[in-house]
Structures are given as C-alpha cells and as structure tokens.
Amino acid sequence: AFSGLQAPINNSKAAAGFIGIKPTTKKMHIVRSLLESLV
C-alpha cells in the first residue's frame, strides 16, 4: 500500500508494511510474503 489500497478496500490512507515478524523470520519468508501479497 505505498499508494493506499484501491478497490474493493478503497482506503487512500492505508499504510504499507509487514506484520507477524518473529525470531524465526528469515529473508525468504519476507520475500515470499511480499510476492504473495501481490496475488
């Protein structure tokens, strides 16, 4: 959400970010979560 979230959320004030990061988090998990979010 660098530019907010468009349809069907339609929230221009939304922020981009990760949630759920923990001690077991590795780079692969972060990259995978980013790609999954696009789908």
Full PDB file with SEQRES, HELIX, SHEET, SSBOND, CRYST1, ORIGX, SCALE, CONECT and MASTER records, all heavy atoms in Angstrom:
SEQRES   1 A   39  ALA PHE SER GLY LEU GLN ALA PRO ILE ASN ASN SER LYS          
SEQRES   2 A   39  ALA ALA ALA GLY PHE ILE GLY ILE LYS PRO THR THR LYS          
SEQRES   3 A   39  LYS MET HIS ILE VAL ARG SER LEU LEU GLU SER LEU VAL          
HELIX    1 AA1 LYS A   27  LEU A   38  1                                  12    
CRYST1    1.000    1.000    1.000  90.00  90.00  90.00 P 1           1          
ORIGX1      1.000000  0.000000  0.000000        0.00000                         
ORIGX2      0.000000  1.000000  0.000000        0.00000                         
ORIGX3      0.000000  0.000000  1.000000        0.00000                         
SCALE1      1.000000  0.000000  0.000000        0.00000                         
SCALE2      0.000000  1.000000  0.000000        0.00000                         
SCALE3      0.000000  0.000000  1.000000        0.00000                         
ATOM      1  N   ALA A   1       0.817  -1.227   0.000  1.00  0.00           N  
ATOM      2  CA  ALA A   1       0.000   0.000   0.000  1.00  0.00           C  
ATOM      3  C   ALA A   1       0.844   1.267   0.000  1.00  0.00           C  
ATOM      4  O   ALA A   1       0.556   2.213   0.732  1.00  0.00           O  
ATOM      5  CB  ALA A   1      -0.941  -0.014   1.207  1.00  0.00           C  
ATOM      6  N   PHE A   2       1.884   1.313  -0.812  1.00  0.00           N  
ATOM      7  CA  PHE A   2       2.634   2.568  -0.938  1.00  0.00           C  
ATOM      8  C   PHE A   2       1.718   3.711  -1.384  1.00  0.00           C  
ATOM      9  O   PHE A   2       1.943   4.860  -1.032  1.00  0.00           O  
ATOM     10  CB  PHE A   2       3.763   2.413  -1.971  1.00  0.00           C  
ATOM     11  CG  PHE A   2       4.970   1.670  -1.452  1.00  0.00           C  
ATOM     12  CD1 PHE A   2       6.039   1.410  -2.288  1.00  0.00           C  
ATOM     13  CD2 PHE A   2       5.044   1.247  -0.144  1.00  0.00           C  
ATOM     14  CE1 PHE A   2       7.160   0.738  -1.833  1.00  0.00           C  
ATOM     15  CE2 PHE A   2       6.154   0.575   0.338  1.00  0.00           C  
ATOM     16  CZ  PHE A   2       7.219   0.314  -0.509  1.00  0.00           C  
ATOM     17  N   SER A   3       0.709   3.381  -2.170  1.00  0.00           N  
ATOM     18  CA  SER A   3      -0.233   4.392  -2.691  1.00  0.00           C  
ATOM     19  C   SER A   3      -1.630   4.180  -2.132  1.00  0.00           C  
ATOM     20  O   SER A   3      -2.633   4.488  -2.772  1.00  0.00           O  
ATOM     21  CB  SER A   3      -0.273   4.334  -4.225  1.00  0.00           C  
ATOM     22  OG  SER A   3       1.009   4.436  -4.770  1.00  0.00           O  
ATOM     23  N   GLY A   4      -1.715   3.644  -0.913  1.00  0.00           N  
ATOM     24  CA  GLY A   4      -3.015   3.312  -0.353  1.00  0.00           C  
ATOM     25  C   GLY A   4      -3.535   2.010  -0.942  1.00  0.00           C  
ATOM     26  O   GLY A   4      -2.827   1.299  -1.659  1.00  0.00           O  
ATOM     27  N   LEU A   5      -4.772   1.698  -0.636  1.00  0.00           N  
ATOM     28  CA  LEU A   5      -5.389   0.462  -1.128  1.00  0.00           C  
ATOM     29  C   LEU A   5      -6.620   0.807  -1.958  1.00  0.00           C  
ATOM     30  O   LEU A   5      -7.512   1.519  -1.492  1.00  0.00           O  
ATOM     31  CB  LEU A   5      -5.774  -0.443   0.047  1.00  0.00           C  
ATOM     32  CG  LEU A   5      -4.588  -1.048   0.809  1.00  0.00           C  
ATOM     33  CD1 LEU A   5      -5.047  -1.629   2.140  1.00  0.00           C  
ATOM     34  CD2 LEU A   5      -3.893  -2.113  -0.028  1.00  0.00           C  
ATOM     35  N   GLN A   6      -6.652   0.297  -3.174  1.00  0.00           N  
ATOM     36  CA  GLN A   6      -7.739   0.600  -4.101  1.00  0.00           C  
ATOM     37  C   GLN A   6      -8.853  -0.451  -3.946  1.00  0.00           C  
ATOM     38  O   GLN A   6      -8.918  -1.154  -2.956  1.00  0.00           O  
ATOM     39  CB  GLN A   6      -7.187   0.653  -5.527  1.00  0.00           C  
ATOM     40  CG  GLN A   6      -6.209   1.816  -5.747  1.00  0.00           C  
ATOM     41  CD  GLN A   6      -4.850   1.602  -5.086  1.00  0.00           C  
ATOM     42  OE1 GLN A   6      -4.244   0.535  -5.215  1.00  0.00           O  
ATOM     43  NE2 GLN A   6      -4.358   2.607  -4.377  1.00  0.00           N  
ATOM     44  N   ALA A   7      -9.713  -0.552  -4.940  1.00  0.00           N  
ATOM     45  CA  ALA A   7     -10.892  -1.427  -4.865  1.00  0.00           C  
ATOM     46  C   ALA A   7     -10.485  -2.854  -4.493  1.00  0.00           C  
ATOM     47  O   ALA A   7      -9.441  -3.337  -4.914  1.00  0.00           O  
ATOM     48  CB  ALA A   7     -11.615  -1.426  -6.213  1.00  0.00           C  
ATOM     49  N   PRO A   8     -11.333  -3.527  -3.712  1.00  0.00           N  
ATOM     50  CA  PRO A   8     -12.598  -3.074  -3.130  1.00  0.00           C  
ATOM     51  C   PRO A   8     -12.439  -2.428  -1.750  1.00  0.00           C  
ATOM     52  O   PRO A   8     -13.431  -2.138  -1.080  1.00  0.00           O  
ATOM     53  CB  PRO A   8     -13.379  -4.381  -3.006  1.00  0.00           C  
ATOM     54  CG  PRO A   8     -12.317  -5.396  -2.672  1.00  0.00           C  
ATOM     55  CD  PRO A   8     -11.092  -4.968  -3.460  1.00  0.00           C  
ATOM     56  N   ILE A   9     -11.183  -2.201  -1.314  1.00  0.00           N  
ATOM     57  CA  ILE A   9     -10.949  -1.630   0.009  1.00  0.00           C  
ATOM     58  C   ILE A   9     -11.174  -0.124  -0.021  1.00  0.00           C  
ATOM     59  O   ILE A   9     -11.794   0.448   0.865  1.00  0.00           O  
ATOM     60  CB  ILE A   9      -9.514  -1.963   0.487  1.00  0.00           C  
ATOM     61  CG1 ILE A   9      -9.288  -3.472   0.407  1.00  0.00           C  
ATOM     62  CG2 ILE A   9      -9.287  -1.475   1.903  1.00  0.00           C  
ATOM     63  CD1 ILE A   9      -7.842  -3.876   0.338  1.00  0.00           C  
ATOM     64  N   ASN A  10     -10.614   0.514  -1.063  1.00  0.00           N  
ATOM     65  CA  ASN A  10     -10.828   1.944  -1.293  1.00  0.00           C  
ATOM     66  C   ASN A  10     -10.455   2.788  -0.077  1.00  0.00           C  
ATOM     67  O   ASN A  10     -11.255   3.565   0.442  1.00  0.00           O  
ATOM     68  CB  ASN A  10     -12.291   2.203  -1.697  1.00  0.00           C  
ATOM     69  CG  ASN A  10     -12.675   1.456  -2.959  1.00  0.00           C  
ATOM     70  OD1 ASN A  10     -11.966   1.505  -3.956  1.00  0.00           O  
ATOM     71  ND2 ASN A  10     -13.788   0.736  -2.916  1.00  0.00           N  
ATOM     72  N   ASN A  11      -9.218   2.596   0.367  1.00  0.00           N  
ATOM     73  CA  ASN A  11      -8.730   3.329   1.528  1.00  0.00           C  
ATOM     74  C   ASN A  11      -7.411   3.997   1.177  1.00  0.00           C  
ATOM     75  O   ASN A  11      -6.356   3.366   1.183  1.00  0.00           O  
ATOM     76  CB  ASN A  11      -8.565   2.363   2.712  1.00  0.00           C  
ATOM     77  CG  ASN A  11      -8.332   3.104   4.020  1.00  0.00           C  
ATOM     78  OD1 ASN A  11      -7.272   3.662   4.240  1.00  0.00           O  
ATOM     79  ND2 ASN A  11      -9.323   3.109   4.892  1.00  0.00           N  
ATOM     80  N   SER A  12      -7.474   5.289   0.863  1.00  0.00           N  
ATOM     81  CA  SER A  12      -6.278   6.009   0.423  1.00  0.00           C  
ATOM     82  C   SER A  12      -5.320   6.288   1.577  1.00  0.00           C  
ATOM     83  O   SER A  12      -4.157   6.653   1.356  1.00  0.00           O  
ATOM     84  CB  SER A  12      -6.673   7.324  -0.241  1.00  0.00           C  
ATOM     85  OG  SER A  12      -7.341   8.168   0.680  1.00  0.00           O  
ATOM     86  N   LYS A  13      -5.777   6.111   2.812  1.00  0.00           N  
ATOM     87  CA  LYS A  13      -4.941   6.403   3.982  1.00  0.00           C  
ATOM     88  C   LYS A  13      -4.280   5.159   4.560  1.00  0.00           C  
ATOM     89  O   LYS A  13      -3.685   5.204   5.634  1.00  0.00           O  
ATOM     90  CB  LYS A  13      -5.790   7.090   5.049  1.00  0.00           C  
ATOM     91  CG  LYS A  13      -6.352   8.439   4.600  1.00  0.00           C  
ATOM     92  CD  LYS A  13      -7.186   9.083   5.672  1.00  0.00           C  
ATOM     93  CE  LYS A  13      -7.746  10.423   5.206  1.00  0.00           C  
ATOM     94  NZ  LYS A  13      -8.584  11.066   6.244  1.00  0.00           N  
ATOM     95  N   ALA A  14      -4.387   4.038   3.848  1.00  0.00           N  
ATOM     96  CA  ALA A  14      -3.752   2.805   4.324  1.00  0.00           C  
ATOM     97  C   ALA A  14      -2.235   2.911   4.198  1.00  0.00           C  
ATOM     98  O   ALA A  14      -1.706   3.630   3.361  1.00  0.00           O  
ATOM     99  CB  ALA A  14      -4.262   1.614   3.520  1.00  0.00           C  
ATOM    100  N   ALA A  15      -1.549   2.167   5.050  1.00  0.00           N  
ATOM    101  CA  ALA A  15      -0.084   2.155   5.042  1.00  0.00           C  
ATOM    102  C   ALA A  15       0.415   0.802   4.549  1.00  0.00           C  
ATOM    103  O   ALA A  15      -0.272  -0.215   4.647  1.00  0.00           O  
ATOM    104  CB  ALA A  15       0.458   2.418   6.440  1.00  0.00           C  
ATOM    105  N   ALA A  16       1.637   0.801   4.024  1.00  0.00           N  
ATOM    106  CA  ALA A  16       2.304  -0.441   3.645  1.00  0.00           C  
ATOM    107  C   ALA A  16       3.108  -0.959   4.821  1.00  0.00           C  
ATOM    108  O   ALA A  16       3.566  -0.181   5.660  1.00  0.00           O  
ATOM    109  CB  ALA A  16       3.223  -0.209   2.450  1.00  0.00           C  
ATOM    110  N   GLY A  17       3.278  -2.265   4.896  1.00  0.00           N  
ATOM    111  CA  GLY A  17       4.114  -2.794   5.973  1.00  0.00           C  
ATOM    112  C   GLY A  17       3.975  -4.289   6.145  1.00  0.00           C  
ATOM    113  O   GLY A  17       3.103  -4.933   5.561  1.00  0.00           O  
ATOM    114  N   PHE A  18       4.874  -4.829   6.956  1.00  0.00           N  
ATOM    115  CA  PHE A  18       4.851  -6.245   7.319  1.00  0.00           C  
ATOM    116  C   PHE A  18       4.216  -6.400   8.692  1.00  0.00           C  
ATOM    117  O   PHE A  18       4.336  -5.533   9.558  1.00  0.00           O  
ATOM    118  CB  PHE A  18       6.274  -6.808   7.377  1.00  0.00           C  
ATOM    119  CG  PHE A  18       6.972  -6.869   6.047  1.00  0.00           C  
ATOM    120  CD1 PHE A  18       7.777  -5.824   5.620  1.00  0.00           C  
ATOM    121  CD2 PHE A  18       6.834  -7.983   5.216  1.00  0.00           C  
ATOM    122  CE1 PHE A  18       8.426  -5.875   4.402  1.00  0.00           C  
ATOM    123  CE2 PHE A  18       7.481  -8.035   4.004  1.00  0.00           C  
ATOM    124  CZ  PHE A  18       8.276  -6.978   3.588  1.00  0.00           C  
ATOM    125  N   ILE A  19       3.574  -7.537   8.909  1.00  0.00           N  
ATOM    126  CA  ILE A  19       3.046  -7.874  10.225  1.00  0.00           C  
ATOM    127  C   ILE A  19       3.317  -9.364  10.473  1.00  0.00           C  
ATOM    128  O   ILE A  19       3.277 -10.178   9.544  1.00  0.00           O  
ATOM    129  CB  ILE A  19       1.536  -7.563  10.318  1.00  0.00           C  
ATOM    130  CG1 ILE A  19       1.060  -7.576  11.761  1.00  0.00           C  
ATOM    131  CG2 ILE A  19       0.704  -8.483   9.444  1.00  0.00           C  
ATOM    132  CD1 ILE A  19      -0.341  -7.006  11.956  1.00  0.00           C  
ATOM    133  N   GLY A  20       3.631  -9.686  11.724  1.00  0.00           N  
ATOM    134  CA  GLY A  20       3.872 -11.086  12.078  1.00  0.00           C  
ATOM    135  C   GLY A  20       5.330 -11.475  12.112  1.00  0.00           C  
ATOM    136  O   GLY A  20       5.648 -12.666  12.218  1.00  0.00           O  
ATOM    137  N   ILE A  21       6.249 -10.509  12.039  1.00  0.00           N  
ATOM    138  CA  ILE A  21       7.682 -10.827  12.088  1.00  0.00           C  
ATOM    139  C   ILE A  21       8.039 -11.338  13.484  1.00  0.00           C  
ATOM    140  O   ILE A  21       7.602 -10.789  14.490  1.00  0.00           O  
ATOM    141  CB  ILE A  21       8.524  -9.586  11.718  1.00  0.00           C  
ATOM    142  CG1 ILE A  21       8.309  -9.238  10.235  1.00  0.00           C  
ATOM    143  CG2 ILE A  21      10.005  -9.805  11.999  1.00  0.00           C  
ATOM    144  CD1 ILE A  21       8.996  -7.977   9.776  1.00  0.00           C  
ATOM    145  N   LYS A  22       8.851 -12.381  13.523  1.00  0.00           N  
ATOM    146  CA  LYS A  22       9.199 -13.039  14.777  1.00  0.00           C  
ATOM    147  C   LYS A  22      10.647 -13.528  14.732  1.00  0.00           C  
ATOM    148  O   LYS A  22      11.297 -13.404  13.674  1.00  0.00           O  
ATOM    149  CB  LYS A  22       8.226 -14.190  15.029  1.00  0.00           C  
ATOM    150  CG  LYS A  22       8.115 -15.175  13.862  1.00  0.00           C  
ATOM    151  CD  LYS A  22       7.051 -16.231  14.086  1.00  0.00           C  
ATOM    152  CE  LYS A  22       5.666 -15.739  13.806  1.00  0.00           C  
ATOM    153  NZ  LYS A  22       5.410 -15.508  12.366  1.00  0.00           N  
ATOM    154  N   PRO A  23      11.188 -14.085  15.802  1.00  0.00           N  
ATOM    155  CA  PRO A  23      12.593 -14.523  15.804  1.00  0.00           C  
ATOM    156  C   PRO A  23      12.923 -15.575  14.750  1.00  0.00           C  
ATOM    157  O   PRO A  23      14.073 -15.695  14.327  1.00  0.00           O  
ATOM    158  CB  PRO A  23      12.791 -15.078  17.222  1.00  0.00           C  
ATOM    159  CG  PRO A  23      11.788 -14.364  18.052  1.00  0.00           C  
ATOM    160  CD  PRO A  23      10.602 -14.162  17.161  1.00  0.00           C  
ATOM    161  N   THR A  24      11.912 -16.323  14.302  1.00  0.00           N  
ATOM    162  CA  THR A  24      12.164 -17.363  13.296  1.00  0.00           C  
ATOM    163  C   THR A  24      12.140 -16.825  11.867  1.00  0.00           C  
ATOM    164  O   THR A  24      12.397 -17.562  10.913  1.00  0.00           O  
ATOM    165  CB  THR A  24      11.102 -18.473  13.418  1.00  0.00           C  
ATOM    166  OG1 THR A  24       9.788 -17.885  13.300  1.00  0.00           O  
ATOM    167  CG2 THR A  24      11.219 -19.201  14.749  1.00  0.00           C  
ATOM    168  N   THR A  25      11.827 -15.537  11.727  1.00  0.00           N  
ATOM    169  CA  THR A  25      11.699 -14.940  10.396  1.00  0.00           C  
ATOM    170  C   THR A  25      13.038 -14.892   9.672  1.00  0.00           C  
ATOM    171  O   THR A  25      14.036 -14.430  10.224  1.00  0.00           O  
ATOM    172  CB  THR A  25      11.137 -13.514  10.508  1.00  0.00           C  
ATOM    173  OG1 THR A  25       9.837 -13.565  11.089  1.00  0.00           O  
ATOM    174  CG2 THR A  25      11.043 -12.873   9.127  1.00  0.00           C  
ATOM    175  N   LYS A  26      13.044 -15.346   8.451  1.00  0.00           N  
ATOM    176  CA  LYS A  26      14.227 -15.269   7.591  1.00  0.00           C  
ATOM    177  C   LYS A  26      13.895 -14.437   6.351  1.00  0.00           C  
ATOM    178  O   LYS A  26      12.716 -14.158   6.066  1.00  0.00           O  
ATOM    179  CB  LYS A  26      14.681 -16.671   7.181  1.00  0.00           C  
ATOM    180  CG  LYS A  26      15.187 -17.519   8.350  1.00  0.00           C  
ATOM    181  CD  LYS A  26      15.641 -18.889   7.874  1.00  0.00           C  
ATOM    182  CE  LYS A  26      16.351 -19.648   8.993  1.00  0.00           C  
ATOM    183  NZ  LYS A  26      15.491 -19.843  10.179  1.00  0.00           N  
ATOM    184  N   LYS A  27      14.931 -14.072   5.624  1.00  0.00           N  
ATOM    185  CA  LYS A  27      14.740 -13.262   4.425  1.00  0.00           C  
ATOM    186  C   LYS A  27      13.766 -13.929   3.458  1.00  0.00           C  
ATOM    187  O   LYS A  27      12.942 -13.254   2.821  1.00  0.00           O  
ATOM    188  CB  LYS A  27      16.085 -13.020   3.738  1.00  0.00           C  
ATOM    189  CG  LYS A  27      15.966 -12.164   2.484  1.00  0.00           C  
ATOM    190  CD  LYS A  27      17.313 -11.843   1.868  1.00  0.00           C  
ATOM    191  CE  LYS A  27      17.855 -13.018   1.078  1.00  0.00           C  
ATOM    192  NZ  LYS A  27      19.045 -12.620   0.280  1.00  0.00           N  
ATOM    193  N   MET A  28      13.850 -15.247   3.348  1.00  0.00           N  
ATOM    194  CA  MET A  28      12.982 -15.964   2.408  1.00  0.00           C  
ATOM    195  C   MET A  28      11.504 -15.770   2.748  1.00  0.00           C  
ATOM    196  O   MET A  28      10.659 -15.651   1.863  1.00  0.00           O  
ATOM    197  CB  MET A  28      13.313 -17.454   2.394  1.00  0.00           C  
ATOM    198  CG  MET A  28      14.725 -17.756   1.925  1.00  0.00           C  
ATOM    199  SD  MET A  28      15.940 -17.610   3.255  1.00  0.00           S  
ATOM    200  CE  MET A  28      15.669 -19.168   4.104  1.00  0.00           C  
ATOM    201  N   HIS A  29      11.189 -15.741   4.065  1.00  0.00           N  
ATOM    202  CA  HIS A  29       9.798 -15.545   4.472  1.00  0.00           C  
ATOM    203  C   HIS A  29       9.307 -14.143   4.086  1.00  0.00           C  
ATOM    204  O   HIS A  29       8.172 -13.973   3.643  1.00  0.00           O  
ATOM    205  CB  HIS A  29       9.664 -15.725   5.991  1.00  0.00           C  
ATOM    206  CG  HIS A  29      10.015 -17.091   6.470  1.00  0.00           C  
ATOM    207  ND1 HIS A  29      10.964 -17.319   7.433  1.00  0.00           N  
ATOM    208  CD2 HIS A  29       9.551 -18.318   6.105  1.00  0.00           C  
ATOM    209  CE1 HIS A  29      11.067 -18.618   7.664  1.00  0.00           C  
ATOM    210  NE2 HIS A  29      10.219 -19.247   6.856  1.00  0.00           N  
ATOM    211  N   ILE A  30      10.191 -13.159   4.267  1.00  0.00           N  
ATOM    212  CA  ILE A  30       9.816 -11.781   3.941  1.00  0.00           C  
ATOM    213  C   ILE A  30       9.571 -11.629   2.439  1.00  0.00           C  
ATOM    214  O   ILE A  30       8.576 -11.032   2.014  1.00  0.00           O  
ATOM    215  CB  ILE A  30      10.909 -10.807   4.424  1.00  0.00           C  
ATOM    216  CG1 ILE A  30      10.930 -10.780   5.966  1.00  0.00           C  
ATOM    217  CG2 ILE A  30      10.685  -9.407   3.869  1.00  0.00           C  
ATOM    218  CD1 ILE A  30      12.046  -9.959   6.553  1.00  0.00           C  
ATOM    219  N   VAL A  31      10.486 -12.187   1.645  1.00  0.00           N  
ATOM    220  CA  VAL A  31      10.330 -12.106   0.187  1.00  0.00           C  
ATOM    221  C   VAL A  31       9.069 -12.835  -0.253  1.00  0.00           C  
ATOM    222  O   VAL A  31       8.290 -12.335  -1.076  1.00  0.00           O  
ATOM    223  CB  VAL A  31      11.573 -12.675  -0.525  1.00  0.00           C  
ATOM    224  CG1 VAL A  31      11.332 -12.787  -2.028  1.00  0.00           C  
ATOM    225  CG2 VAL A  31      12.797 -11.805  -0.246  1.00  0.00           C  
ATOM    226  N   ARG A  32       8.850 -14.013   0.314  1.00  0.00           N  
ATOM    227  CA  ARG A  32       7.660 -14.789  -0.072  1.00  0.00           C  
ATOM    228  C   ARG A  32       6.382 -14.038   0.294  1.00  0.00           C  
ATOM    229  O   ARG A  32       5.428 -13.989  -0.495  1.00  0.00           O  
ATOM    230  CB  ARG A  32       7.692 -16.154   0.609  1.00  0.00           C  
ATOM    231  CG  ARG A  32       6.550 -17.075   0.157  1.00  0.00           C  
ATOM    232  CD  ARG A  32       6.629 -18.433   0.813  1.00  0.00           C  
ATOM    233  NE  ARG A  32       5.519 -19.273   0.410  1.00  0.00           N  
ATOM    234  CZ  ARG A  32       5.613 -20.370  -0.321  1.00  0.00           C  
ATOM    235  NH1 ARG A  32       6.798 -20.768  -0.762  1.00  0.00           N  
ATOM    236  NH2 ARG A  32       4.545 -21.071  -0.636  1.00  0.00           N  
ATOM    237  N   SER A  33       6.349 -13.426   1.467  1.00  0.00           N  
ATOM    238  CA  SER A  33       5.140 -12.699   1.879  1.00  0.00           C  
ATOM    239  C   SER A  33       4.878 -11.508   0.962  1.00  0.00           C  
ATOM    240  O   SER A  33       3.715 -11.180   0.678  1.00  0.00           O  
ATOM    241  CB  SER A  33       5.268 -12.235   3.327  1.00  0.00           C  
ATOM    242  OG  SER A  33       6.240 -11.217   3.466  1.00  0.00           O  
ATOM    243  N   LEU A  34       5.935 -10.870   0.488  1.00  0.00           N  
ATOM    244  CA  LEU A  34       5.763  -9.746  -0.425  1.00  0.00           C  
ATOM    245  C   LEU A  34       5.155 -10.209  -1.746  1.00  0.00           C  
ATOM    246  O   LEU A  34       4.196  -9.609  -2.255  1.00  0.00           O  
ATOM    247  CB  LEU A  34       7.108  -9.066  -0.665  1.00  0.00           C  
ATOM    248  CG  LEU A  34       7.094  -7.708  -1.372  1.00  0.00           C  
ATOM    249  CD1 LEU A  34       8.300  -6.873  -0.941  1.00  0.00           C  
ATOM    250  CD2 LEU A  34       7.100  -7.843  -2.880  1.00  0.00           C  
ATOM    251  N   LEU A  35       5.672 -11.307  -2.308  1.00  0.00           N  
ATOM    252  CA  LEU A  35       5.138 -11.827  -3.568  1.00  0.00           C  
ATOM    253  C   LEU A  35       3.704 -12.320  -3.393  1.00  0.00           C  
ATOM    254  O   LEU A  35       2.849 -12.109  -4.257  1.00  0.00           O  
ATOM    255  CB  LEU A  35       6.026 -12.949  -4.100  1.00  0.00           C  
ATOM    256  CG  LEU A  35       7.483 -12.594  -4.419  1.00  0.00           C  
ATOM    257  CD1 LEU A  35       8.179 -13.776  -5.094  1.00  0.00           C  
ATOM    258  CD2 LEU A  35       7.577 -11.352  -5.301  1.00  0.00           C  
ATOM    259  N   GLU A  36       3.448 -13.007  -2.257  1.00  0.00           N  
ATOM    260  CA  GLU A  36       2.090 -13.487  -2.008  1.00  0.00           C  
ATOM    261  C   GLU A  36       1.090 -12.341  -1.942  1.00  0.00           C  
ATOM    262  O   GLU A  36      -0.044 -12.457  -2.425  1.00  0.00           O  
ATOM    263  CB  GLU A  36       2.049 -14.276  -0.697  1.00  0.00           C  
ATOM    264  CG  GLU A  36       2.718 -15.634  -0.768  1.00  0.00           C  
ATOM    265  CD  GLU A  36       2.743 -16.352   0.573  1.00  0.00           C  
ATOM    266  OE1 GLU A  36       2.574 -15.677   1.614  1.00  0.00           O  
ATOM    267  OE2 GLU A  36       2.952 -17.575   0.578  1.00  0.00           O  
ATOM    268  N   SER A  37       1.510 -11.218  -1.360  1.00  0.00           N  
ATOM    269  CA  SER A  37       0.586 -10.090  -1.209  1.00  0.00           C  
ATOM    270  C   SER A  37       0.106  -9.559  -2.556  1.00  0.00           C  
ATOM    271  O   SER A  37      -1.029  -9.088  -2.679  1.00  0.00           O  
ATOM    272  CB  SER A  37       1.254  -8.964  -0.415  1.00  0.00           C  
ATOM    273  OG  SER A  37       2.209  -8.256  -1.201  1.00  0.00           O  
ATOM    274  N   LEU A  38       0.966  -9.632  -3.584  1.00  0.00           N  
ATOM    275  CA  LEU A  38       0.579  -9.159  -4.914  1.00  0.00           C  
ATOM    276  C   LEU A  38      -0.531 -10.034  -5.496  1.00  0.00           C  
ATOM    277  O   LEU A  38      -1.441  -9.532  -6.165  1.00  0.00           O  
ATOM    278  CB  LEU A  38       1.800  -9.151  -5.842  1.00  0.00           C  
ATOM    279  CG  LEU A  38       2.995  -8.334  -5.358  1.00  0.00           C  
ATOM    280  CD1 LEU A  38       4.132  -8.394  -6.386  1.00  0.00           C  
ATOM    281  CD2 LEU A  38       2.606  -6.893  -5.082  1.00  0.00           C  
ATOM    282  N   VAL A  39      -0.470 -11.326  -5.210  1.00  0.00           N  
ATOM    283  CA  VAL A  39      -1.522 -12.243  -5.675  1.00  0.00           C  
ATOM    284  C   VAL A  39      -2.783 -12.075  -4.830  1.00  0.00           C  
ATOM    285  O   VAL A  39      -3.903 -12.101  -5.352  1.00  0.00           O  
ATOM    286  CB  VAL A  39      -1.022 -13.696  -5.635  1.00  0.00           C  
ATOM    287  CG1 VAL A  39      -2.106 -14.654  -6.123  1.00  0.00           C  
ATOM    288  CG2 VAL A  39       0.231 -13.861  -6.487  1.00  0.00           C  
TER     289      VAL A  39                                                      
MASTER        0    0    0    1    0    0    0    6  288    1    0    3          
END                                                                             
